[in-house]
Amino acid sequence: MNNKERYQRTFSVVHTSTDYCERVKQMNTKHKFYLTKAMVACLALVLILGATVTAYATDLGGIQRTIQLWLHGDQTDAVLDIQEDGSYSLTWQDEDGTTREQGGGGVAIGPDGKERPLTEEEIMEELNAPDVSYKDDGTVWVYYYDQALEITDKFEDGVCYVKLIHGQEELYLTIKYGNGYASSPKRYISAESFN
């Protein structure tokens, strides 16, 4: 007789009690019940998170970030929200704590003649462009980065020429009173050539 046969003969006479068998069945049933509940809870959590991320992405639809920007000669923190179609909205608080919003954007024409949405760099270039502002008191101001220049008395025949300097960059601005402006990094643009 070998060891295997001895073990079989010894343990073949040992029987487990019915109570013990019932308790083992109940433990297995409880364990399966908790495991099923845990799996359902995990699945529900994954679905909720997935729906939240989808709703978040649907609401934004673009790039949103906080930037520092020069507005009317003051450096300001603003939230820039760029949409896929090239439009943007800019939200900030003025010195009174009032929330202000500005929008813009658009399209550019590529070399192939097709329209495309403005890129983030082109939108930032637009936001950093000079701003000509006509005040209620009749004064005219030019804002460019940290500069605020009153140019009311510089108009001759409804046209004003202003040279702006920011760091190493120069910008030549031709302003028509109440009718827009044109700028160039090389020279003043003739007032007759625009608007």
N, C-alpha and C. Protein backbone atom coordinates (compact mmCIF):
# COMPACT_ATOMS: atom_id res chain seq x y z
N MET A 1 0.84 -1.15 0.00
CA MET A 1 0.00 0.00 0.00
C MET A 1 0.90 1.24 0.00
N ASN A 2 0.61 2.15 -0.90
CA ASN A 2 1.41 3.38 -0.98
C ASN A 2 0.74 4.51 -0.19
N ASN A 3 1.38 5.67 -0.16
CA ASN A 3 0.88 6.79 0.64
C ASN A 3 -0.48 7.30 0.15
N LYS A 4 -0.66 7.30 -1.12
CA LYS A 4 -1.90 7.80 -1.66
C LYS A 4 -3.08 6.96 -1.20
N GLU A 5 -2.92 5.68 -1.25
CA GLU A 5 -3.98 4.78 -0.82
C GLU A 5 -4.25 4.91 0.67
N ARG A 6 -3.19 5.11 1.47
CA ARG A 6 -3.37 5.27 2.92
C ARG A 6 -4.19 6.54 3.21
N TYR A 7 -3.85 7.64 2.54
CA TYR A 7 -4.61 8.89 2.75
C TYR A 7 -6.07 8.72 2.36
N GLN A 8 -6.30 8.07 1.24
CA GLN A 8 -7.68 7.88 0.80
C GLN A 8 -8.45 7.04 1.81
N ARG A 9 -7.85 6.00 2.32
CA ARG A 9 -8.52 5.13 3.26
C ARG A 9 -8.80 5.87 4.58
N THR A 10 -7.84 6.67 5.04
CA THR A 10 -8.00 7.39 6.30
C THR A 10 -9.09 8.45 6.19
N PHE A 11 -9.05 9.22 5.16
CA PHE A 11 -9.98 10.34 5.05
C PHE A 11 -11.32 9.96 4.44
N SER A 12 -11.47 8.77 3.95
CA SER A 12 -12.76 8.38 3.39
C SER A 12 -13.80 8.17 4.49
N VAL A 13 -13.35 7.93 5.69
CA VAL A 13 -14.28 7.74 6.79
C VAL A 13 -14.65 9.04 7.47
N VAL A 14 -13.91 10.16 7.21
CA VAL A 14 -14.19 11.45 7.82
C VAL A 14 -15.29 12.12 7.01
N HIS A 15 -16.33 12.53 7.71
CA HIS A 15 -17.43 13.23 7.06
C HIS A 15 -17.62 14.59 7.72
N THR A 16 -17.98 15.58 6.88
CA THR A 16 -18.24 16.91 7.44
C THR A 16 -19.68 16.96 7.91
N SER A 17 -19.92 17.85 8.89
CA SER A 17 -21.28 17.95 9.41
C SER A 17 -22.14 18.74 8.43
N THR A 18 -23.43 18.53 8.51
CA THR A 18 -24.37 19.22 7.62
C THR A 18 -24.40 20.71 7.95
N ASP A 19 -24.27 21.07 9.21
CA ASP A 19 -24.26 22.49 9.59
C ASP A 19 -23.07 23.21 8.94
N TYR A 20 -21.93 22.54 8.99
CA TYR A 20 -20.73 23.14 8.41
C TYR A 20 -20.92 23.34 6.90
N CYS A 21 -21.47 22.38 6.22
CA CYS A 21 -21.71 22.48 4.77
C CYS A 21 -22.66 23.64 4.47
N GLU A 22 -23.70 23.81 5.27
CA GLU A 22 -24.65 24.89 5.08
C GLU A 22 -23.98 26.25 5.26
N ARG A 23 -23.10 26.36 6.30
CA ARG A 23 -22.41 27.63 6.54
C ARG A 23 -21.47 27.96 5.38
N VAL A 24 -20.81 26.99 4.83
CA VAL A 24 -19.92 27.21 3.68
C VAL A 24 -20.74 27.68 2.48
N LYS A 25 -21.89 27.08 2.25
CA LYS A 25 -22.74 27.51 1.14
C LYS A 25 -23.21 28.95 1.34
N GLN A 26 -23.58 29.31 2.58
CA GLN A 26 -24.02 30.67 2.86
C GLN A 26 -22.88 31.67 2.65
N MET A 27 -21.67 31.33 3.07
CA MET A 27 -20.52 32.22 2.87
C MET A 27 -20.27 32.43 1.38
N ASN A 28 -20.34 31.37 0.61
CA ASN A 28 -20.14 31.50 -0.84
C ASN A 28 -21.21 32.38 -1.46
N THR A 29 -22.45 32.21 -1.00
CA THR A 29 -23.55 33.01 -1.52
C THR A 29 -23.36 34.48 -1.16
N LYS A 30 -23.01 34.78 0.10
CA LYS A 30 -22.78 36.16 0.52
C LYS A 30 -21.62 36.78 -0.26
N HIS A 31 -20.56 36.05 -0.43
CA HIS A 31 -19.39 36.54 -1.14
C HIS A 31 -19.75 36.90 -2.58
N LYS A 32 -20.51 36.04 -3.22
CA LYS A 32 -20.92 36.31 -4.59
C LYS A 32 -21.85 37.53 -4.63
N PHE A 33 -22.69 37.67 -3.63
CA PHE A 33 -23.62 38.80 -3.58
C PHE A 33 -22.84 40.10 -3.46
N TYR A 34 -21.86 40.16 -2.57
CA TYR A 34 -21.07 41.37 -2.41
C TYR A 34 -20.24 41.66 -3.66
N LEU A 35 -19.70 40.64 -4.26
CA LEU A 35 -18.91 40.82 -5.47
C LEU A 35 -19.79 41.37 -6.58
N THR A 36 -20.99 40.87 -6.73
CA THR A 36 -21.90 41.38 -7.75
C THR A 36 -22.27 42.83 -7.46
N LYS A 37 -22.53 43.17 -6.21
CA LYS A 37 -22.86 44.53 -5.82
C LYS A 37 -21.68 45.46 -6.12
N ALA A 38 -20.48 45.03 -5.82
CA ALA A 38 -19.28 45.85 -6.05
C ALA A 38 -19.08 46.08 -7.55
N MET A 39 -19.32 45.06 -8.35
CA MET A 39 -19.17 45.22 -9.79
C MET A 39 -20.19 46.20 -10.34
N VAL A 40 -21.41 46.16 -9.86
CA VAL A 40 -22.45 47.09 -10.30
C VAL A 40 -22.08 48.51 -9.89
N ALA A 41 -21.59 48.68 -8.66
CA ALA A 41 -21.19 50.01 -8.18
C ALA A 41 -20.05 50.58 -9.03
N CYS A 42 -19.06 49.74 -9.35
CA CYS A 42 -17.94 50.19 -10.20
C CYS A 42 -18.43 50.58 -11.59
N LEU A 43 -19.30 49.79 -12.14
CA LEU A 43 -19.84 50.09 -13.47
C LEU A 43 -20.62 51.40 -13.47
N ALA A 44 -21.41 51.61 -12.42
CA ALA A 44 -22.17 52.86 -12.31
C ALA A 44 -21.22 54.05 -12.18
N LEU A 45 -20.15 53.91 -11.42
CA LEU A 45 -19.17 54.98 -11.26
C LEU A 45 -18.49 55.30 -12.59
N VAL A 46 -18.12 54.28 -13.34
CA VAL A 46 -17.50 54.49 -14.65
C VAL A 46 -18.46 55.21 -15.59
N LEU A 47 -19.72 54.83 -15.58
CA LEU A 47 -20.72 55.50 -16.43
C LEU A 47 -20.92 56.96 -16.03
N ILE A 48 -20.96 57.23 -14.75
CA ILE A 48 -21.14 58.62 -14.28
C ILE A 48 -19.94 59.46 -14.67
N LEU A 49 -18.74 58.95 -14.44
CA LEU A 49 -17.53 59.69 -14.82
C LEU A 49 -17.47 59.92 -16.33
N GLY A 50 -17.81 58.91 -17.09
CA GLY A 50 -17.82 59.05 -18.54
C GLY A 50 -18.80 60.10 -19.02
N ALA A 51 -19.98 60.13 -18.42
CA ALA A 51 -20.98 61.13 -18.79
C ALA A 51 -20.54 62.52 -18.39
N THR A 52 -19.89 62.65 -17.23
CA THR A 52 -19.40 63.95 -16.77
C THR A 52 -18.34 64.49 -17.71
N VAL A 53 -17.39 63.65 -18.09
CA VAL A 53 -16.33 64.07 -19.01
C VAL A 53 -16.92 64.46 -20.35
N THR A 54 -17.88 63.71 -20.84
CA THR A 54 -18.51 64.04 -22.11
C THR A 54 -19.25 65.36 -22.03
N ALA A 55 -19.98 65.58 -20.95
CA ALA A 55 -20.70 66.85 -20.78
C ALA A 55 -19.73 68.01 -20.68
N TYR A 56 -18.62 67.83 -19.96
CA TYR A 56 -17.60 68.86 -19.82
C TYR A 56 -17.01 69.21 -21.18
N ALA A 57 -16.66 68.20 -21.96
CA ALA A 57 -16.09 68.43 -23.29
C ALA A 57 -17.11 69.09 -24.21
N THR A 58 -18.36 68.71 -24.10
CA THR A 58 -19.40 69.31 -24.94
C THR A 58 -19.62 70.77 -24.58
N ASP A 59 -19.59 71.09 -23.28
CA ASP A 59 -19.80 72.47 -22.87
C ASP A 59 -18.68 73.38 -23.36
N LEU A 60 -17.46 72.95 -23.22
CA LEU A 60 -16.34 73.81 -23.59
C LEU A 60 -16.16 73.86 -25.10
N GLY A 61 -15.95 72.73 -25.71
CA GLY A 61 -15.83 72.69 -27.16
C GLY A 61 -14.60 73.37 -27.68
N GLY A 62 -13.70 73.79 -26.87
CA GLY A 62 -12.52 74.48 -27.35
C GLY A 62 -11.45 74.55 -26.28
N ILE A 63 -10.58 75.54 -26.42
CA ILE A 63 -9.47 75.72 -25.50
C ILE A 63 -9.84 76.84 -24.54
N GLN A 64 -9.68 76.59 -23.26
CA GLN A 64 -9.95 77.64 -22.27
C GLN A 64 -8.74 77.72 -21.36
N ARG A 65 -8.26 78.95 -21.16
CA ARG A 65 -7.12 79.13 -20.28
C ARG A 65 -7.12 80.53 -19.69
N THR A 66 -6.40 80.69 -18.59
CA THR A 66 -6.23 82.00 -17.98
C THR A 66 -4.95 82.60 -18.53
N ILE A 67 -5.05 83.85 -18.99
CA ILE A 67 -3.90 84.53 -19.58
C ILE A 67 -3.74 85.90 -18.93
N GLN A 68 -2.56 86.49 -19.09
CA GLN A 68 -2.34 87.88 -18.71
C GLN A 68 -2.30 88.69 -19.98
N LEU A 69 -3.01 89.80 -19.97
CA LEU A 69 -3.21 90.59 -21.18
C LEU A 69 -3.19 92.07 -20.81
N TRP A 70 -2.71 92.90 -21.72
CA TRP A 70 -2.72 94.34 -21.50
C TRP A 70 -4.06 94.88 -22.01
N LEU A 71 -4.86 95.43 -21.11
CA LEU A 71 -6.13 96.05 -21.46
C LEU A 71 -6.11 97.49 -20.97
N HIS A 72 -6.22 98.42 -21.89
CA HIS A 72 -6.22 99.85 -21.58
C HIS A 72 -5.01 100.26 -20.75
N GLY A 73 -3.84 99.70 -21.09
CA GLY A 73 -2.59 100.05 -20.43
C GLY A 73 -2.33 99.33 -19.13
N ASP A 74 -3.23 98.48 -18.68
CA ASP A 74 -3.06 97.74 -17.42
C ASP A 74 -2.97 96.25 -17.72
N GLN A 75 -2.02 95.57 -17.04
CA GLN A 75 -1.93 94.12 -17.21
C GLN A 75 -3.04 93.47 -16.40
N THR A 76 -3.80 92.61 -17.06
CA THR A 76 -5.02 92.05 -16.48
C THR A 76 -5.04 90.53 -16.66
N ASP A 77 -5.53 89.82 -15.64
CA ASP A 77 -5.78 88.38 -15.76
C ASP A 77 -7.14 88.20 -16.41
N ALA A 78 -7.19 87.35 -17.42
CA ALA A 78 -8.44 87.12 -18.13
C ALA A 78 -8.56 85.64 -18.48
N VAL A 79 -9.79 85.19 -18.71
CA VAL A 79 -10.04 83.82 -19.16
C VAL A 79 -10.35 83.89 -20.65
N LEU A 80 -9.55 83.19 -21.44
CA LEU A 80 -9.70 83.15 -22.89
C LEU A 80 -10.29 81.80 -23.26
N ASP A 81 -11.41 81.82 -23.96
CA ASP A 81 -12.09 80.60 -24.40
C ASP A 81 -12.12 80.62 -25.92
N ILE A 82 -11.34 79.74 -26.55
CA ILE A 82 -11.24 79.69 -28.01
C ILE A 82 -12.07 78.51 -28.52
N GLN A 83 -12.97 78.79 -29.44
CA GLN A 83 -13.83 77.76 -30.01
C GLN A 83 -13.19 77.17 -31.27
N GLU A 84 -13.69 76.03 -31.69
CA GLU A 84 -13.14 75.35 -32.86
C GLU A 84 -13.34 76.13 -34.15
N ASP A 85 -14.35 77.02 -34.18
CA ASP A 85 -14.61 77.78 -35.41
C ASP A 85 -13.74 79.03 -35.52
N GLY A 86 -12.80 79.23 -34.57
CA GLY A 86 -11.89 80.37 -34.61
C GLY A 86 -12.39 81.58 -33.84
N SER A 87 -13.58 81.49 -33.25
CA SER A 87 -14.08 82.60 -32.45
C SER A 87 -13.57 82.45 -31.02
N TYR A 88 -13.62 83.55 -30.28
CA TYR A 88 -13.16 83.49 -28.90
C TYR A 88 -14.01 84.41 -28.04
N SER A 89 -13.97 84.15 -26.74
CA SER A 89 -14.54 85.09 -25.78
C SER A 89 -13.49 85.31 -24.71
N LEU A 90 -13.42 86.55 -24.25
CA LEU A 90 -12.44 86.95 -23.25
C LEU A 90 -13.23 87.53 -22.08
N THR A 91 -12.99 87.01 -20.88
CA THR A 91 -13.71 87.46 -19.69
C THR A 91 -12.69 87.91 -18.64
N TRP A 92 -12.93 89.09 -18.04
CA TRP A 92 -12.05 89.61 -17.02
C TRP A 92 -12.84 90.51 -16.07
N GLN A 93 -12.20 90.89 -14.98
CA GLN A 93 -12.82 91.82 -14.04
C GLN A 93 -12.07 93.15 -14.13
N ASP A 94 -12.82 94.26 -14.24
CA ASP A 94 -12.18 95.56 -14.30
C ASP A 94 -11.81 96.02 -12.89
N GLU A 95 -11.25 97.23 -12.78
CA GLU A 95 -10.78 97.71 -11.48
C GLU A 95 -11.90 97.88 -10.46
N ASP A 96 -13.16 97.98 -10.91
CA ASP A 96 -14.30 98.08 -10.00
C ASP A 96 -14.82 96.72 -9.55
N GLY A 97 -14.25 95.63 -10.12
CA GLY A 97 -14.71 94.29 -9.79
C GLY A 97 -15.85 93.82 -10.67
N THR A 98 -16.21 94.62 -11.69
CA THR A 98 -17.27 94.25 -12.61
C THR A 98 -16.73 93.28 -13.65
N THR A 99 -17.45 92.20 -13.90
CA THR A 99 -17.03 91.23 -14.90
C THR A 99 -17.34 91.77 -16.29
N ARG A 100 -16.33 91.77 -17.13
CA ARG A 100 -16.45 92.25 -18.51
C ARG A 100 -16.20 91.09 -19.46
N GLU A 101 -16.82 91.19 -20.63
CA GLU A 101 -16.63 90.15 -21.64
C GLU A 101 -16.50 90.79 -23.01
N GLN A 102 -15.62 90.22 -23.81
CA GLN A 102 -15.38 90.68 -25.17
C GLN A 102 -15.25 89.45 -26.05
N GLY A 103 -15.70 89.53 -27.25
CA GLY A 103 -15.60 88.40 -28.16
C GLY A 103 -15.03 88.84 -29.50
N GLY A 104 -14.65 87.87 -30.27
CA GLY A 104 -14.10 88.18 -31.59
C GLY A 104 -13.68 86.90 -32.28
N GLY A 105 -12.77 87.05 -33.21
CA GLY A 105 -12.25 85.90 -33.93
C GLY A 105 -12.68 85.93 -35.37
N GLY A 106 -12.67 84.79 -35.98
CA GLY A 106 -13.08 84.71 -37.37
C GLY A 106 -12.27 83.68 -38.13
N VAL A 107 -12.11 83.97 -39.40
CA VAL A 107 -11.42 83.04 -40.29
C VAL A 107 -10.31 83.77 -41.02
N ALA A 108 -9.39 83.00 -41.54
CA ALA A 108 -8.31 83.51 -42.39
C ALA A 108 -8.40 82.77 -43.72
N ILE A 109 -7.94 83.40 -44.76
CA ILE A 109 -7.92 82.79 -46.09
C ILE A 109 -6.53 82.23 -46.33
N GLY A 110 -6.47 80.92 -46.59
CA GLY A 110 -5.20 80.26 -46.83
C GLY A 110 -4.69 80.51 -48.24
N PRO A 111 -3.47 80.09 -48.55
CA PRO A 111 -2.89 80.28 -49.88
C PRO A 111 -3.71 79.61 -50.99
N ASP A 112 -4.46 78.57 -50.62
CA ASP A 112 -5.28 77.87 -51.60
C ASP A 112 -6.65 78.52 -51.78
N GLY A 113 -6.90 79.64 -51.08
CA GLY A 113 -8.16 80.36 -51.22
C GLY A 113 -9.26 79.85 -50.31
N LYS A 114 -8.98 78.85 -49.49
CA LYS A 114 -10.00 78.29 -48.60
C LYS A 114 -9.95 78.97 -47.24
N GLU A 115 -11.13 79.09 -46.63
CA GLU A 115 -11.22 79.66 -45.29
C GLU A 115 -10.80 78.62 -44.25
N ARG A 116 -10.17 79.12 -43.19
CA ARG A 116 -9.83 78.26 -42.06
C ARG A 116 -10.01 79.08 -40.79
N PRO A 117 -10.32 78.42 -39.67
CA PRO A 117 -10.47 79.16 -38.40
C PRO A 117 -9.13 79.78 -37.99
N LEU A 118 -9.20 80.90 -37.27
CA LEU A 118 -7.99 81.52 -36.75
C LEU A 118 -7.32 80.59 -35.75
N THR A 119 -6.00 80.61 -35.74
CA THR A 119 -5.24 79.81 -34.78
C THR A 119 -5.14 80.59 -33.47
N GLU A 120 -4.71 79.91 -32.43
CA GLU A 120 -4.54 80.56 -31.13
C GLU A 120 -3.53 81.70 -31.23
N GLU A 121 -2.45 81.51 -31.99
CA GLU A 121 -1.44 82.55 -32.15
C GLU A 121 -2.03 83.78 -32.84
N GLU A 122 -2.87 83.57 -33.86
CA GLU A 122 -3.48 84.69 -34.56
C GLU A 122 -4.46 85.44 -33.66
N ILE A 123 -5.17 84.72 -32.81
CA ILE A 123 -6.09 85.36 -31.86
C ILE A 123 -5.31 86.17 -30.84
N MET A 124 -4.18 85.63 -30.34
CA MET A 124 -3.36 86.38 -29.39
C MET A 124 -2.78 87.62 -30.06
N GLU A 125 -2.41 87.53 -31.32
CA GLU A 125 -1.91 88.69 -32.07
C GLU A 125 -3.00 89.76 -32.16
N GLU A 126 -4.23 89.33 -32.40
CA GLU A 126 -5.36 90.27 -32.46
C GLU A 126 -5.59 90.93 -31.11
N LEU A 127 -5.47 90.15 -30.03
CA LEU A 127 -5.69 90.71 -28.69
C LEU A 127 -4.57 91.67 -28.29
N ASN A 128 -3.36 91.46 -28.79
CA ASN A 128 -2.23 92.33 -28.46
C ASN A 128 -2.09 93.50 -29.42
N ALA A 129 -3.00 93.64 -30.37
CA ALA A 129 -2.95 94.76 -31.32
C ALA A 129 -3.28 96.06 -30.59
N PRO A 130 -2.86 97.20 -31.15
CA PRO A 130 -3.21 98.49 -30.53
C PRO A 130 -4.73 98.66 -30.48
N ASP A 131 -5.17 99.42 -29.49
CA ASP A 131 -6.60 99.69 -29.31
C ASP A 131 -6.79 101.20 -29.34
N VAL A 132 -7.60 101.68 -30.26
CA VAL A 132 -7.93 103.11 -30.34
C VAL A 132 -9.29 103.29 -29.70
N SER A 133 -9.35 104.16 -28.70
CA SER A 133 -10.58 104.33 -27.93
C SER A 133 -11.02 105.80 -27.94
N TYR A 134 -12.30 106.02 -28.24
CA TYR A 134 -12.90 107.35 -28.25
C TYR A 134 -13.71 107.50 -26.97
N LYS A 135 -13.29 108.38 -26.09
CA LYS A 135 -13.93 108.56 -24.78
C LYS A 135 -15.13 109.50 -24.87
N ASP A 136 -15.99 109.42 -23.87
CA ASP A 136 -17.18 110.28 -23.80
C ASP A 136 -16.83 111.76 -23.68
N ASP A 137 -15.66 112.06 -23.11
CA ASP A 137 -15.27 113.46 -22.94
C ASP A 137 -14.65 114.06 -24.21
N GLY A 138 -14.63 113.27 -25.32
CA GLY A 138 -14.11 113.77 -26.59
C GLY A 138 -12.65 113.47 -26.85
N THR A 139 -11.97 112.87 -25.88
CA THR A 139 -10.56 112.54 -26.09
C THR A 139 -10.42 111.21 -26.83
N VAL A 140 -9.27 111.08 -27.49
CA VAL A 140 -8.96 109.85 -28.22
C VAL A 140 -7.68 109.29 -27.62
N TRP A 141 -7.70 107.99 -27.32
CA TRP A 141 -6.57 107.34 -26.68
C TRP A 141 -6.14 106.13 -27.51
N VAL A 142 -4.83 105.85 -27.48
CA VAL A 142 -4.26 104.63 -28.07
C VAL A 142 -3.65 103.84 -26.93
N TYR A 143 -4.04 102.55 -26.84
CA TYR A 143 -3.49 101.65 -25.84
C TYR A 143 -2.70 100.57 -26.57
N TYR A 144 -1.46 100.38 -26.10
CA TYR A 144 -0.61 99.35 -26.71
C TYR A 144 0.29 98.80 -25.61
N TYR A 145 0.09 97.55 -25.23
CA TYR A 145 0.76 96.92 -24.10
C TYR A 145 0.60 97.83 -22.88
N ASP A 146 1.70 98.31 -22.28
CA ASP A 146 1.60 99.13 -21.07
C ASP A 146 1.50 100.63 -21.37
N GLN A 147 1.32 100.99 -22.63
CA GLN A 147 1.27 102.39 -23.02
C GLN A 147 -0.18 102.87 -23.15
N ALA A 148 -0.41 104.08 -22.68
CA ALA A 148 -1.71 104.74 -22.83
C ALA A 148 -1.40 106.16 -23.30
N LEU A 149 -1.68 106.46 -24.57
CA LEU A 149 -1.33 107.75 -25.16
C LEU A 149 -2.60 108.50 -25.57
N GLU A 150 -2.71 109.74 -25.12
CA GLU A 150 -3.80 110.56 -25.61
C GLU A 150 -3.34 111.22 -26.91
N ILE A 151 -4.12 111.05 -27.97
CA ILE A 151 -3.73 111.57 -29.29
C ILE A 151 -4.75 112.56 -29.83
N THR A 152 -5.60 113.10 -28.99
CA THR A 152 -6.68 113.98 -29.42
C THR A 152 -6.16 115.16 -30.25
N ASP A 153 -5.07 115.79 -29.81
CA ASP A 153 -4.54 116.99 -30.48
C ASP A 153 -3.62 116.67 -31.64
N LYS A 154 -3.39 115.41 -31.96
CA LYS A 154 -2.45 115.04 -33.02
C LYS A 154 -3.12 114.85 -34.37
N PHE A 155 -4.42 114.98 -34.45
CA PHE A 155 -5.13 114.78 -35.72
C PHE A 155 -4.99 116.03 -36.60
N GLU A 156 -4.65 115.80 -37.85
CA GLU A 156 -4.63 116.85 -38.87
C GLU A 156 -5.46 116.36 -40.03
N ASP A 157 -6.49 117.10 -40.37
CA ASP A 157 -7.41 116.72 -41.44
C ASP A 157 -8.02 115.34 -41.20
N GLY A 158 -8.27 115.01 -39.94
CA GLY A 158 -8.92 113.76 -39.59
C GLY A 158 -8.01 112.55 -39.59
N VAL A 159 -6.67 112.77 -39.70
CA VAL A 159 -5.71 111.67 -39.73
C VAL A 159 -4.61 111.93 -38.70
N CYS A 160 -4.19 110.86 -38.02
CA CYS A 160 -3.12 110.95 -37.02
C CYS A 160 -2.11 109.82 -37.27
N TYR A 161 -0.84 110.15 -37.11
CA TYR A 161 0.24 109.17 -37.27
C TYR A 161 0.94 109.01 -35.93
N VAL A 162 1.05 107.76 -35.47
CA VAL A 162 1.66 107.48 -34.16
C VAL A 162 2.65 106.33 -34.32
N LYS A 163 3.86 106.53 -33.77
CA LYS A 163 4.87 105.47 -33.75
C LYS A 163 4.87 104.86 -32.35
N LEU A 164 4.61 103.55 -32.27
CA LEU A 164 4.58 102.84 -31.00
C LEU A 164 5.80 101.94 -30.88
N ILE A 165 6.38 101.89 -29.70
CA ILE A 165 7.56 101.05 -29.48
C ILE A 165 7.28 100.14 -28.29
N HIS A 166 7.52 98.85 -28.49
CA HIS A 166 7.39 97.86 -27.41
C HIS A 166 8.63 96.98 -27.47
N GLY A 167 9.53 97.14 -26.49
CA GLY A 167 10.79 96.39 -26.52
C GLY A 167 11.60 96.81 -27.73
N GLN A 168 11.95 95.87 -28.57
CA GLN A 168 12.70 96.14 -29.79
C GLN A 168 11.80 96.34 -31.00
N GLU A 169 10.50 96.15 -30.81
CA GLU A 169 9.55 96.23 -31.93
C GLU A 169 9.00 97.64 -32.08
N GLU A 170 8.91 98.07 -33.34
CA GLU A 170 8.28 99.35 -33.66
C GLU A 170 7.03 99.07 -34.47
N LEU A 171 6.01 99.90 -34.25
CA LEU A 171 4.76 99.76 -34.98
C LEU A 171 4.29 101.15 -35.38
N TYR A 172 4.06 101.32 -36.68
CA TYR A 172 3.62 102.60 -37.22
C TYR A 172 2.10 102.53 -37.42
N LEU A 173 1.40 103.48 -36.80
CA LEU A 173 -0.06 103.47 -36.78
C LEU A 173 -0.59 104.70 -37.52
N THR A 174 -1.47 104.46 -38.49
CA THR A 174 -2.18 105.53 -39.18
C THR A 174 -3.64 105.44 -38.74
N ILE A 175 -4.16 106.51 -38.12
CA ILE A 175 -5.51 106.49 -37.56
C ILE A 175 -6.36 107.53 -38.27
N LYS A 176 -7.52 107.10 -38.76
CA LYS A 176 -8.53 108.02 -39.29
C LYS A 176 -9.54 108.26 -38.18
N TYR A 177 -9.82 109.51 -37.90
CA TYR A 177 -10.71 109.83 -36.79
C TYR A 177 -12.10 109.20 -37.02
N GLY A 178 -12.47 108.30 -36.13
CA GLY A 178 -13.77 107.64 -36.19
C GLY A 178 -13.92 106.65 -37.33
N ASN A 179 -12.82 106.32 -38.02
CA ASN A 179 -12.94 105.46 -39.20
C ASN A 179 -11.85 104.39 -39.25
N GLY A 180 -11.36 103.93 -38.10
CA GLY A 180 -10.42 102.83 -38.07
C GLY A 180 -8.97 103.24 -38.15
N TYR A 181 -8.12 102.24 -38.19
CA TYR A 181 -6.68 102.48 -38.29
C TYR A 181 -6.02 101.34 -39.04
N ALA A 182 -4.78 101.58 -39.48
CA ALA A 182 -3.96 100.57 -40.13
C ALA A 182 -2.58 100.63 -39.49
N SER A 183 -1.90 99.50 -39.41
CA SER A 183 -0.57 99.48 -38.78
C SER A 183 0.40 98.68 -39.64
N SER A 184 1.67 99.00 -39.47
CA SER A 184 2.74 98.30 -40.18
C SER A 184 4.01 98.37 -39.33
N PRO A 185 4.82 97.32 -39.35
CA PRO A 185 6.08 97.37 -38.59
C PRO A 185 7.19 98.13 -39.35
N LYS A 186 6.90 98.55 -40.60
CA LYS A 186 7.96 99.17 -41.42
C LYS A 186 7.74 100.65 -41.70
N ARG A 187 6.48 101.06 -41.90
CA ARG A 187 6.22 102.44 -42.30
C ARG A 187 4.77 102.80 -42.03
N TYR A 188 4.48 104.12 -42.10
CA TYR A 188 3.09 104.55 -42.00
C TYR A 188 2.35 104.17 -43.27
N ILE A 189 1.14 103.69 -43.12
CA ILE A 189 0.30 103.33 -44.27
C ILE A 189 -0.51 104.56 -44.67
N SER A 190 -0.62 104.79 -45.96
CA SER A 190 -1.36 105.93 -46.46
C SER A 190 -2.81 105.85 -46.02
N ALA A 191 -3.35 106.98 -45.55
CA ALA A 191 -4.74 107.02 -45.07
C ALA A 191 -5.74 106.73 -46.19
N GLU A 192 -5.38 107.00 -47.42
CA GLU A 192 -6.28 106.76 -48.55
C GLU A 192 -6.37 105.27 -48.91
N SER A 193 -5.44 104.47 -48.42
CA SER A 193 -5.40 103.07 -48.85
C SER A 193 -6.29 102.14 -48.02
N PHE A 194 -6.96 102.64 -46.98
CA PHE A 194 -7.86 101.78 -46.21
C PHE A 194 -9.15 102.53 -45.89
N ASN A 195 -10.19 101.76 -45.61
CA ASN A 195 -11.56 102.21 -45.34
C ASN A 195 -12.07 103.04 -46.47
